[in-house]
Amino acid sequence: MLLTKLIQIVPKSTPIFTNIRRLSANTTDLVHENLEGSDKGIVVFAFNRPKQKNAFSANFVHELNTALYKVSVDTSARVLLLRSLVPGVFCAGADLKERATMPQEQVGQFVAGLRSLMDKIHNLPIPVIGAIDGLALGGGLEISLACDIRVASSEAKMGLVEGRLAVIPGAGGTQRLPRLINPSVAKELIYTARIIDGATAQDLGIVSHVVPQNSNGNAAYVKSLEIAREILPNGPIAIQMAKKAINKGTQVDLSTGLAIEEACYAQIIPTKDRIEGLQAFQEKRKPNYTGR
């Protein structure tokens, strides 16, 4: 009802789809792209399950886990973008058709696997940006909540709707949303299974930016790419330490958080990048950071 009719996927000849490589010749659920040229260091995971509206199946989760591992050991990766290749849809949550055939004893294991996937995204050393260019329901919103930054198009629809199926958001939604916005508002959204648009999500603080949708249906991705390009020139170790300090520090009291910040800063002091930053400033030139 809320979904517009799916149309043909944007052709890969479009500039933003250059240098795409599939994780495997036999899989199409996820497209993994390493951008090149001036965008080198930006990695894109593109969801590509049009018939299932990018719903999480066992195979899709496996592909995401495999791709996340590859990025975690890729020293050239600086920023990760999550987006969709399916017009009008970011991710519709769990694959309910597959879930219906799943033995009861496996359901808990599958949800635990989803929760683990979200944790891996949350704890990935590099910044993760979620580009919500369409519907993001249930697990689709939960994977967005695991990102560091979220961008939505004006036509995006999102919500933790698990209550309609007599379950709760089990992949981190009950924990991440109340930590992101007013807990009372988070409770209302979860209790009512309400679906909100991009503008409302920005007003509530769920997304950082809401942008008018464009003719290609990828306005949130375009904005996310702009943010990634702003991050690229900065010291990669500093960005990693900032993420670590924020993620860990926001879960503890201020004194402990300041100690975490101090420990993270201490890891930066002996790096070559820190010296390069100072020298570049003195010499009035662009720094050449190597991540060392």
C-alpha atoms as a PDB file:
ATOM      1  CA  MET A   1       0.000   0.000   0.000  1.00  0.00           C
ATOM      2  CA  LEU A   2       2.787   2.388   0.927  1.00  0.00           C
ATOM      3  CA  LEU A   3       5.060   1.062  -1.765  1.00  0.00           C
ATOM      4  CA  THR A   4       5.059   2.455  -5.240  1.00  0.00           C
ATOM      5  CA  LYS A   5       5.193  -0.042  -8.069  1.00  0.00           C
ATOM      6  CA  LEU A   6       8.747  -1.251  -8.565  1.00  0.00           C
ATOM      7  CA  ILE A   7      10.334  -0.003 -11.743  1.00  0.00           C
ATOM      8  CA  GLN A   8      13.454  -1.036 -13.578  1.00  0.00           C
ATOM      9  CA  ILE A   9      16.672  -0.669 -11.626  1.00  0.00           C
ATOM     10  CA  VAL A  10      18.763   2.376 -12.531  1.00  0.00           C
ATOM     11  CA  PRO A  11      21.296   1.311 -15.215  1.00  0.00           C
ATOM     12  CA  LYS A  12      24.834   0.676 -14.005  1.00  0.00           C
ATOM     13  CA  SER A  13      26.094   3.025 -16.719  1.00  0.00           C
ATOM     14  CA  THR A  14      25.019   5.887 -14.467  1.00  0.00           C
ATOM     15  CA  PRO A  15      28.259   7.516 -13.102  1.00  0.00           C
ATOM     16  CA  ILE A  16      27.551   6.564  -9.489  1.00  0.00           C
ATOM     17  CA  PHE A  17      27.516   2.878 -10.468  1.00  0.00           C
ATOM     18  CA  THR A  18      31.002   2.771 -11.988  1.00  0.00           C
ATOM     19  CA  ASN A  19      33.419  -0.008 -11.032  1.00  0.00           C
ATOM     20  CA  ILE A  20      30.731  -2.245  -9.524  1.00  0.00           C
ATOM     21  CA  ARG A  21      31.840  -5.768  -8.723  1.00  0.00           C
ATOM     22  CA  ARG A  22      29.572  -8.480  -7.371  1.00  0.00           C
ATOM     23  CA  LEU A  23      30.593 -10.426  -4.306  1.00  0.00           C
ATOM     24  CA  SER A  24      30.060 -13.614  -6.274  1.00  0.00           C
ATOM     25  CA  ALA A  25      29.029 -14.426  -9.797  1.00  0.00           C
ATOM     26  CA  ASN A  26      26.194 -16.517  -8.400  1.00  0.00           C
ATOM     27  CA  THR A  27      24.727 -13.974  -6.005  1.00  0.00           C
ATOM     28  CA  THR A  28      22.856 -10.749  -6.628  1.00  0.00           C
ATOM     29  CA  ASP A  29      21.406  -9.846  -3.227  1.00  0.00           C
ATOM     30  CA  LEU A  30      24.247  -7.447  -2.500  1.00  0.00           C
ATOM     31  CA  VAL A  31      26.422  -5.374  -4.806  1.00  0.00           C
ATOM     32  CA  HIS A  32      29.773  -4.321  -3.358  1.00  0.00           C
ATOM     33  CA  GLU A  33      31.435  -1.313  -4.957  1.00  0.00           C
ATOM     34  CA  ASN A  34      34.818   0.294  -4.259  1.00  0.00           C
ATOM     35  CA  LEU A  35      34.797   3.783  -5.720  1.00  0.00           C
ATOM     36  CA  GLU A  36      37.891   4.961  -7.569  1.00  0.00           C
ATOM     37  CA  GLY A  37      39.623   8.186  -8.510  1.00  0.00           C
ATOM     38  CA  SER A  38      38.986  11.075  -6.138  1.00  0.00           C
ATOM     39  CA  ASP A  39      36.403   8.898  -4.359  1.00  0.00           C
ATOM     40  CA  LYS A  40      38.914   6.145  -3.576  1.00  0.00           C
ATOM     41  CA  GLY A  41      38.304   4.973  -0.021  1.00  0.00           C
ATOM     42  CA  ILE A  42      34.511   5.121  -0.289  1.00  0.00           C
ATOM     43  CA  VAL A  43      32.880   1.676  -0.241  1.00  0.00           C
ATOM     44  CA  VAL A  44      29.246   1.131  -1.216  1.00  0.00           C
ATOM     45  CA  PHE A  45      27.004  -1.789  -0.263  1.00  0.00           C
ATOM     46  CA  ALA A  46      23.949  -1.737  -2.515  1.00  0.00           C
ATOM     47  CA  PHE A  47      20.925  -3.890  -1.613  1.00  0.00           C
ATOM     48  CA  ASN A  48      19.556  -5.657  -4.677  1.00  0.00           C
ATOM     49  CA  ARG A  49      16.574  -7.933  -3.976  1.00  0.00           C
ATOM     50  CA  PRO A  50      13.799  -6.241  -5.995  1.00  0.00           C
ATOM     51  CA  LYS A  51      11.220  -9.030  -5.782  1.00  0.00           C
ATOM     52  CA  GLN A  52      11.634  -9.289  -2.005  1.00  0.00           C
ATOM     53  CA  LYS A  53      11.945  -5.514  -1.469  1.00  0.00           C
ATOM     54  CA  ASN A  54      15.446  -6.082  -0.056  1.00  0.00           C
ATOM     55  CA  ALA A  55      14.074  -8.173   2.807  1.00  0.00           C
ATOM     56  CA  PHE A  56      16.624  -9.977   4.974  1.00  0.00           C
ATOM     57  CA  SER A  57      16.940 -13.626   3.983  1.00  0.00           C
ATOM     58  CA  ALA A  58      19.558 -16.030   5.325  1.00  0.00           C
ATOM     59  CA  ASN A  59      21.570 -15.610   2.131  1.00  0.00           C
ATOM     60  CA  PHE A  60      21.329 -11.821   2.208  1.00  0.00           C
ATOM     61  CA  VAL A  61      22.539 -11.741   5.813  1.00  0.00           C
ATOM     62  CA  HIS A  62      25.403 -14.080   4.893  1.00  0.00           C
ATOM     63  CA  GLU A  63      26.443 -11.821   2.014  1.00  0.00           C
ATOM     64  CA  LEU A  64      26.347  -8.746   4.242  1.00  0.00           C
ATOM     65  CA  ASN A  65      28.485 -10.482   6.874  1.00  0.00           C
ATOM     66  CA  THR A  66      31.002 -11.543   4.239  1.00  0.00           C
ATOM     67  CA  ALA A  67      31.169  -8.041   2.786  1.00  0.00           C
ATOM     68  CA  LEU A  68      31.564  -6.455   6.227  1.00  0.00           C
ATOM     69  CA  TYR A  69      34.487  -8.734   6.990  1.00  0.00           C
ATOM     70  CA  LYS A  70      36.167  -7.750   3.724  1.00  0.00           C
ATOM     71  CA  VAL A  71      35.762  -4.065   4.543  1.00  0.00           C
ATOM     72  CA  SER A  72      37.008  -4.549   8.108  1.00  0.00           C
ATOM     73  CA  VAL A  73      40.350  -5.869   6.822  1.00  0.00           C
ATOM     74  CA  ASP A  74      40.605  -3.448   3.890  1.00  0.00           C
ATOM     75  CA  THR A  75      43.089  -0.788   4.972  1.00  0.00           C
ATOM     76  CA  SER A  76      42.104   1.429   2.035  1.00  0.00           C
ATOM     77  CA  ALA A  77      38.444   1.672   3.142  1.00  0.00           C
ATOM     78  CA  ARG A  78      37.594   5.046   4.706  1.00  0.00           C
ATOM     79  CA  VAL A  79      33.781   5.315   4.591  1.00  0.00           C
ATOM     80  CA  LEU A  80      30.999   2.779   3.988  1.00  0.00           C
ATOM     81  CA  LEU A  81      27.681   3.723   2.377  1.00  0.00           C
ATOM     82  CA  LEU A  82      24.580   1.538   2.573  1.00  0.00           C
ATOM     83  CA  ARG A  83      22.013   2.121  -0.140  1.00  0.00           C
ATOM     84  CA  SER A  84      19.463   0.341  -2.331  1.00  0.00           C
ATOM     85  CA  LEU A  85      19.305  -0.396  -6.048  1.00  0.00           C
ATOM     86  CA  VAL A  86      15.558  -1.041  -5.797  1.00  0.00           C
ATOM     87  CA  PRO A  87      13.516   2.103  -6.529  1.00  0.00           C
ATOM     88  CA  GLY A  88      11.228   3.155  -3.689  1.00  0.00           C
ATOM     89  CA  VAL A  89      12.651   0.648  -1.216  1.00  0.00           C
ATOM     90  CA  PHE A  90      15.587   0.720   1.176  1.00  0.00           C
ATOM     91  CA  CYS A  91      14.793  -2.480   3.080  1.00  0.00           C
ATOM     92  CA  ALA A  92      11.415  -3.936   4.021  1.00  0.00           C
ATOM     93  CA  GLY A  93      12.755  -5.864   7.023  1.00  0.00           C
ATOM     94  CA  ALA A  94      12.768  -9.627   7.466  1.00  0.00           C
ATOM     95  CA  ASP A  95      11.882 -11.972   4.622  1.00  0.00           C
ATOM     96  CA  LEU A  96       8.575 -13.139   6.068  1.00  0.00           C
ATOM     97  CA  LYS A  97       8.028 -15.790   3.411  1.00  0.00           C
ATOM     98  CA  GLU A  98      11.286 -17.433   4.391  1.00  0.00           C
ATOM     99  CA  ARG A  99      10.524 -16.875   8.090  1.00  0.00           C
ATOM    100  CA  ALA A 100       7.185 -18.685   7.712  1.00  0.00           C
ATOM    101  CA  THR A 101       8.991 -21.845   6.605  1.00  0.00           C
ATOM    102  CA  MET A 102      11.611 -21.627   9.343  1.00  0.00           C
ATOM    103  CA  PRO A 103      11.350 -24.124  12.235  1.00  0.00           C
ATOM    104  CA  GLN A 104      10.532 -22.419  15.517  1.00  0.00           C
ATOM    105  CA  GLU A 105      13.863 -23.361  17.069  1.00  0.00           C
ATOM    106  CA  GLN A 106      15.683 -21.550  14.251  1.00  0.00           C
ATOM    107  CA  VAL A 107      13.811 -18.256  14.534  1.00  0.00           C
ATOM    108  CA  GLY A 108      15.713 -17.126  17.618  1.00  0.00           C
ATOM    109  CA  GLN A 109      19.015 -18.029  15.974  1.00  0.00           C
ATOM    110  CA  PHE A 110      18.156 -16.050  12.856  1.00  0.00           C
ATOM    111  CA  VAL A 111      17.151 -12.961  14.856  1.00  0.00           C
ATOM    112  CA  ALA A 112      20.332 -13.274  16.918  1.00  0.00           C
ATOM    113  CA  GLY A 113      22.249 -13.350  13.640  1.00  0.00           C
ATOM    114  CA  LEU A 114      20.515 -10.170  12.519  1.00  0.00           C
ATOM    115  CA  ARG A 115      21.352  -8.528  15.835  1.00  0.00           C
ATOM    116  CA  SER A 116      24.978  -9.554  15.412  1.00  0.00           C
ATOM    117  CA  LEU A 117      24.997  -8.095  11.894  1.00  0.00           C
ATOM    118  CA  MET A 118      23.767  -4.743  13.188  1.00  0.00           C
ATOM    119  CA  ASP A 119      26.448  -4.783  15.893  1.00  0.00           C
ATOM    120  CA  LYS A 120      29.129  -5.361  13.267  1.00  0.00           C
ATOM    121  CA  ILE A 121      27.922  -2.329  11.353  1.00  0.00           C
ATOM    122  CA  HIS A 122      27.760  -0.259  14.536  1.00  0.00           C
ATOM    123  CA  ASN A 123      31.279  -1.304  15.557  1.00  0.00           C
ATOM    124  CA  LEU A 124      32.914  -1.115  12.134  1.00  0.00           C
ATOM    125  CA  PRO A 125      35.980   1.128  12.615  1.00  0.00           C
ATOM    126  CA  ILE A 126      35.111   3.414   9.700  1.00  0.00           C
ATOM    127  CA  PRO A 127      32.056   5.691   9.459  1.00  0.00           C
ATOM    128  CA  VAL A 128      28.907   4.118   8.017  1.00  0.00           C
ATOM    129  CA  ILE A 129      26.258   6.235   6.267  1.00  0.00           C
ATOM    130  CA  GLY A 130      22.767   4.926   5.545  1.00  0.00           C
ATOM    131  CA  ALA A 131      21.049   6.347   2.446  1.00  0.00           C
ATOM    132  CA  ILE A 132      17.301   5.805   2.891  1.00  0.00           C
ATOM    133  CA  ASP A 133      15.757   6.440  -0.502  1.00  0.00           C
ATOM    134  CA  GLY A 134      12.567   4.505   0.149  1.00  0.00           C
ATOM    135  CA  LEU A 135      10.745   2.215   2.522  1.00  0.00           C
ATOM    136  CA  ALA A 136      12.698   1.191   5.656  1.00  0.00           C
ATOM    137  CA  LEU A 137      10.586  -1.001   7.921  1.00  0.00           C
ATOM    138  CA  GLY A 138      11.488  -3.231  10.852  1.00  0.00           C
ATOM    139  CA  GLY A 139      14.966  -4.598  10.229  1.00  0.00           C
ATOM    140  CA  GLY A 140      15.340  -2.082   7.430  1.00  0.00           C
ATOM    141  CA  LEU A 141      15.157   0.749   9.933  1.00  0.00           C
ATOM    142  CA  GLU A 142      17.234  -1.214  12.446  1.00  0.00           C
ATOM    143  CA  ILE A 143      20.162  -1.507  10.028  1.00  0.00           C
ATOM    144  CA  SER A 144      19.848   2.240   9.461  1.00  0.00           C
ATOM    145  CA  LEU A 145      19.979   2.852  13.213  1.00  0.00           C
ATOM    146  CA  ALA A 146      23.257   0.912  13.337  1.00  0.00           C
ATOM    147  CA  CYS A 147      24.801   3.452  10.948  1.00  0.00           C
ATOM    148  CA  ASP A 148      26.690   6.515  12.190  1.00  0.00           C
ATOM    149  CA  ILE A 149      24.783   8.905   9.934  1.00  0.00           C
ATOM    150  CA  ARG A 150      21.411   8.547   8.242  1.00  0.00           C
ATOM    151  CA  VAL A 151      20.127  10.480   5.231  1.00  0.00           C
ATOM    152  CA  ALA A 152      16.546  10.160   3.965  1.00  0.00           C
ATOM    153  CA  SER A 153      14.706  11.334   0.895  1.00  0.00           C
ATOM    154  CA  SER A 154      11.491  13.261   1.338  1.00  0.00           C
ATOM    155  CA  GLU A 155       9.575  10.226   0.040  1.00  0.00           C
ATOM    156  CA  ALA A 156      11.131   7.765   2.476  1.00  0.00           C
ATOM    157  CA  LYS A 157       8.861   5.880   4.873  1.00  0.00           C
ATOM    158  CA  MET A 158      10.227   4.217   7.987  1.00  0.00           C
ATOM    159  CA  GLY A 159       9.078   2.549  11.152  1.00  0.00           C
ATOM    160  CA  LEU A 160       9.620  -0.265  13.634  1.00  0.00           C
ATOM    161  CA  VAL A 161       6.450  -2.139  12.764  1.00  0.00           C
ATOM    162  CA  GLU A 162       7.155  -5.501  14.410  1.00  0.00           C
ATOM    163  CA  GLY A 163       4.280  -5.046  16.861  1.00  0.00           C
ATOM    164  CA  ARG A 164       1.846  -5.630  13.999  1.00  0.00           C
ATOM    165  CA  LEU A 165       3.241  -9.170  13.798  1.00  0.00           C
ATOM    166  CA  ALA A 166       3.081  -9.666  17.587  1.00  0.00           C
ATOM    167  CA  VAL A 167       6.880  -9.481  18.026  1.00  0.00           C
ATOM    168  CA  ILE A 168       9.329  -6.746  19.061  1.00  0.00           C
ATOM    169  CA  PRO A 169      12.175  -5.131  17.117  1.00  0.00           C
ATOM    170  CA  GLY A 170      14.770  -7.794  17.815  1.00  0.00           C
ATOM    171  CA  ALA A 171      17.808  -6.580  15.868  1.00  0.00           C
ATOM    172  CA  GLY A 172      18.645  -3.663  18.126  1.00  0.00           C
ATOM    173  CA  GLY A 173      15.645  -1.424  17.542  1.00  0.00           C
ATOM    174  CA  THR A 174      14.457  -1.374  21.160  1.00  0.00           C
ATOM    175  CA  GLN A 175      17.932  -0.276  22.256  1.00  0.00           C
ATOM    176  CA  ARG A 176      19.269   2.008  19.540  1.00  0.00           C
ATOM    177  CA  LEU A 177      16.174   4.118  18.880  1.00  0.00           C
ATOM    178  CA  PRO A 178      15.694   5.175  22.561  1.00  0.00           C
ATOM    179  CA  ARG A 179      19.407   6.051  22.703  1.00  0.00           C
ATOM    180  CA  LEU A 180      19.054   8.204  19.604  1.00  0.00           C
ATOM    181  CA  ILE A 181      15.862  10.131  20.391  1.00  0.00           C
ATOM    182  CA  ASN A 182      13.609  10.866  23.362  1.00  0.00           C
ATOM    183  CA  PRO A 183      12.919   7.445  24.950  1.00  0.00           C
ATOM    184  CA  SER A 184       9.245   8.312  25.401  1.00  0.00           C
ATOM    185  CA  VAL A 185       8.912   9.129  21.699  1.00  0.00           C
ATOM    186  CA  ALA A 186      10.788   5.936  20.808  1.00  0.00           C
ATOM    187  CA  LYS A 187       8.349   3.937  22.926  1.00  0.00           C
ATOM    188  CA  GLU A 188       5.389   5.559  21.188  1.00  0.00           C
ATOM    189  CA  LEU A 189       6.804   4.740  17.756  1.00  0.00           C
ATOM    190  CA  ILE A 190       7.443   1.120  18.727  1.00  0.00           C
ATOM    191  CA  TYR A 191       4.164   0.595  20.620  1.00  0.00           C
ATOM    192  CA  THR A 192       2.087   2.037  17.780  1.00  0.00           C
ATOM    193  CA  ALA A 193       4.190   0.522  14.953  1.00  0.00           C
ATOM    194  CA  ARG A 194       3.828   3.938  13.347  1.00  0.00           C
ATOM    195  CA  ILE A 195       5.318   4.660   9.925  1.00  0.00           C
ATOM    196  CA  ILE A 196       6.785   8.152   9.500  1.00  0.00           C
ATOM    197  CA  ASP A 197       8.171  10.091   6.555  1.00  0.00           C
ATOM    198  CA  GLY A 198      11.627  11.561   6.071  1.00  0.00           C
ATOM    199  CA  ALA A 199      10.719  15.045   7.315  1.00  0.00           C
ATOM    200  CA  THR A 200       9.248  13.658  10.547  1.00  0.00           C
ATOM    201  CA  ALA A 201      12.290  11.439  11.009  1.00  0.00           C
ATOM    202  CA  GLN A 202      14.518  14.502  10.773  1.00  0.00           C
ATOM    203  CA  ASP A 203      12.353  16.459  13.229  1.00  0.00           C
ATOM    204  CA  LEU A 204      12.682  13.591  15.713  1.00  0.00           C
ATOM    205  CA  GLY A 205      16.437  13.313  15.189  1.00  0.00           C
ATOM    206  CA  ILE A 206      16.390   9.879  13.545  1.00  0.00           C
ATOM    207  CA  VAL A 207      18.014  11.164  10.342  1.00  0.00           C
ATOM    208  CA  SER A 208      20.527  13.977   9.943  1.00  0.00           C
ATOM    209  CA  HIS A 209      19.315  15.143   6.550  1.00  0.00           C
ATOM    210  CA  VAL A 210      16.159  14.896   4.474  1.00  0.00           C
ATOM    211  CA  VAL A 211      16.446  15.782   0.787  1.00  0.00           C
ATOM    212  CA  PRO A 212      13.872  16.154  -2.014  1.00  0.00           C
ATOM    213  CA  GLN A 213      13.745  13.016  -4.128  1.00  0.00           C
ATOM    214  CA  ASN A 214      15.222  13.339  -7.612  1.00  0.00           C
ATOM    215  CA  SER A 215      14.219  11.786 -10.934  1.00  0.00           C
ATOM    216  CA  ASN A 216      16.702   8.934 -10.457  1.00  0.00           C
ATOM    217  CA  GLY A 217      15.241   8.024  -7.066  1.00  0.00           C
ATOM    218  CA  ASN A 218      18.642   8.235  -5.370  1.00  0.00           C
ATOM    219  CA  ALA A 219      18.687  11.667  -3.721  1.00  0.00           C
ATOM    220  CA  ALA A 220      19.594  10.290  -0.277  1.00  0.00           C
ATOM    221  CA  TYR A 221      22.494   8.369  -1.798  1.00  0.00           C
ATOM    222  CA  VAL A 222      23.751  11.472  -3.625  1.00  0.00           C
ATOM    223  CA  LYS A 223      23.675  13.441  -0.352  1.00  0.00           C
ATOM    224  CA  SER A 224      25.362  10.565   1.499  1.00  0.00           C
ATOM    225  CA  LEU A 225      28.102  10.560  -1.115  1.00  0.00           C
ATOM    226  CA  GLU A 226      28.629  14.288  -0.533  1.00  0.00           C
ATOM    227  CA  ILE A 227      29.084  13.653   3.197  1.00  0.00           C
ATOM    228  CA  ALA A 228      31.484  10.775   2.522  1.00  0.00           C
ATOM    229  CA  ARG A 229      33.563  13.070   0.319  1.00  0.00           C
ATOM    230  CA  GLU A 230      33.798  15.567   3.190  1.00  0.00           C
ATOM    231  CA  ILE A 231      35.116  12.804   5.471  1.00  0.00           C
ATOM    232  CA  LEU A 232      37.719  11.454   3.010  1.00  0.00           C
ATOM    233  CA  PRO A 233      40.385  14.197   3.350  1.00  0.00           C
ATOM    234  CA  ASN A 234      40.602  13.845   7.130  1.00  0.00           C
ATOM    235  CA  GLY A 235      43.017  11.633   9.042  1.00  0.00           C
ATOM    236  CA  PRO A 236      41.629   8.055   8.909  1.00  0.00           C
ATOM    237  CA  ILE A 237      43.043   7.029  12.285  1.00  0.00           C
ATOM    238  CA  ALA A 238      41.577  10.149  13.889  1.00  0.00           C
ATOM    239  CA  ILE A 239      38.170   9.328  12.410  1.00  0.00           C
ATOM    240  CA  GLN A 240      38.386   5.757  13.690  1.00  0.00           C
ATOM    241  CA  MET A 241      39.364   6.919  17.173  1.00  0.00           C
ATOM    242  CA  ALA A 242      36.604   9.541  17.195  1.00  0.00           C
ATOM    243  CA  LYS A 243      34.029   6.872  16.350  1.00  0.00           C
ATOM    244  CA  LYS A 244      35.373   4.577  19.048  1.00  0.00           C
ATOM    245  CA  ALA A 245      35.373   7.353  21.648  1.00  0.00           C
ATOM    246  CA  ILE A 246      31.808   8.398  20.798  1.00  0.00           C
ATOM    247  CA  ASN A 247      30.375   4.868  20.621  1.00  0.00           C
ATOM    248  CA  LYS A 248      31.917   3.758  23.885  1.00  0.00           C
ATOM    249  CA  GLY A 249      31.721   7.084  25.675  1.00  0.00           C
ATOM    250  CA  THR A 250      28.008   7.626  25.175  1.00  0.00           C
ATOM    251  CA  GLN A 251      27.255   4.393  27.045  1.00  0.00           C
ATOM    252  CA  VAL A 252      29.010   5.409  30.288  1.00  0.00           C
ATOM    253  CA  ASP A 253      29.149   8.322  32.744  1.00  0.00           C
ATOM    254  CA  LEU A 254      31.024  11.491  31.776  1.00  0.00           C
ATOM    255  CA  SER A 255      34.162  10.772  33.822  1.00  0.00           C
ATOM    256  CA  THR A 256      34.541   7.330  32.259  1.00  0.00           C
ATOM    257  CA  GLY A 257      33.780   8.783  28.849  1.00  0.00           C
ATOM    258  CA  LEU A 258      36.557  11.347  29.240  1.00  0.00           C
ATOM    259  CA  ALA A 259      38.949   8.552  30.177  1.00  0.00           C
ATOM    260  CA  ILE A 260      37.937   6.703  26.990  1.00  0.00           C
ATOM    261  CA  GLU A 261      38.577   9.876  24.988  1.00  0.00           C
ATOM    262  CA  GLU A 262      42.022  10.218  26.588  1.00  0.00           C
ATOM    263  CA  ALA A 263      42.878   6.617  25.738  1.00  0.00           C
ATOM    264  CA  CYS A 264      41.791   7.098  22.139  1.00  0.00           C
ATOM    265  CA  TYR A 265      43.797  10.301  21.813  1.00  0.00           C
ATOM    266  CA  ALA A 266      46.870   8.545  23.200  1.00  0.00           C
ATOM    267  CA  GLN A 267      46.713   6.086  20.305  1.00  0.00           C
ATOM    268  CA  ILE A 268      46.890   8.966  17.822  1.00  0.00           C
ATOM    269  CA  ILE A 269      49.936  10.735  19.273  1.00  0.00           C
ATOM    270  CA  PRO A 270      52.610   8.323  17.901  1.00  0.00           C
ATOM    271  CA  THR A 271      51.086   8.088  14.407  1.00  0.00           C
ATOM    272  CA  LYS A 272      52.779   9.389  11.254  1.00  0.00           C
ATOM    273  CA  ASP A 273      49.484  10.972  10.216  1.00  0.00           C
ATOM    274  CA  ARG A 274      49.528  13.298  13.225  1.00  0.00           C
ATOM    275  CA  ILE A 275      53.007  14.537  12.316  1.00  0.00           C
ATOM    276  CA  GLU A 276      51.977  14.870   8.667  1.00  0.00           C
ATOM    277  CA  GLY A 277      48.990  16.972   9.697  1.00  0.00           C
ATOM    278  CA  LEU A 278      51.174  19.390  11.649  1.00  0.00           C
ATOM    279  CA  GLN A 279      53.763  19.645   8.873  1.00  0.00           C
ATOM    280  CA  ALA A 280      51.119  20.200   6.207  1.00  0.00           C
ATOM    281  CA  PHE A 281      49.584  22.986   8.301  1.00  0.00           C
ATOM    282  CA  GLN A 282      52.965  24.692   8.723  1.00  0.00           C
ATOM    283  CA  GLU A 283      53.795  24.308   5.041  1.00  0.00           C
ATOM    284  CA  LYS A 284      50.303  25.430   3.975  1.00  0.00           C
ATOM    285  CA  ARG A 285      49.685  22.370   1.813  1.00  0.00           C
ATOM    286  CA  LYS A 286      47.199  19.549   1.632  1.00  0.00           C
ATOM    287  CA  PRO A 287      48.160  16.689   3.982  1.00  0.00           C
ATOM    288  CA  ASN A 288      48.886  13.237   2.603  1.00  0.00           C
ATOM    289  CA  TYR A 289      47.430  10.834   5.166  1.00  0.00           C
ATOM    290  CA  THR A 290      48.320   7.156   4.911  1.00  0.00           C
ATOM    291  CA  GLY A 291      46.522   5.691   7.919  1.00  0.00           C
ATOM    292  CA  ARG A 292      49.745   5.039   9.805  1.00  0.00           C
END
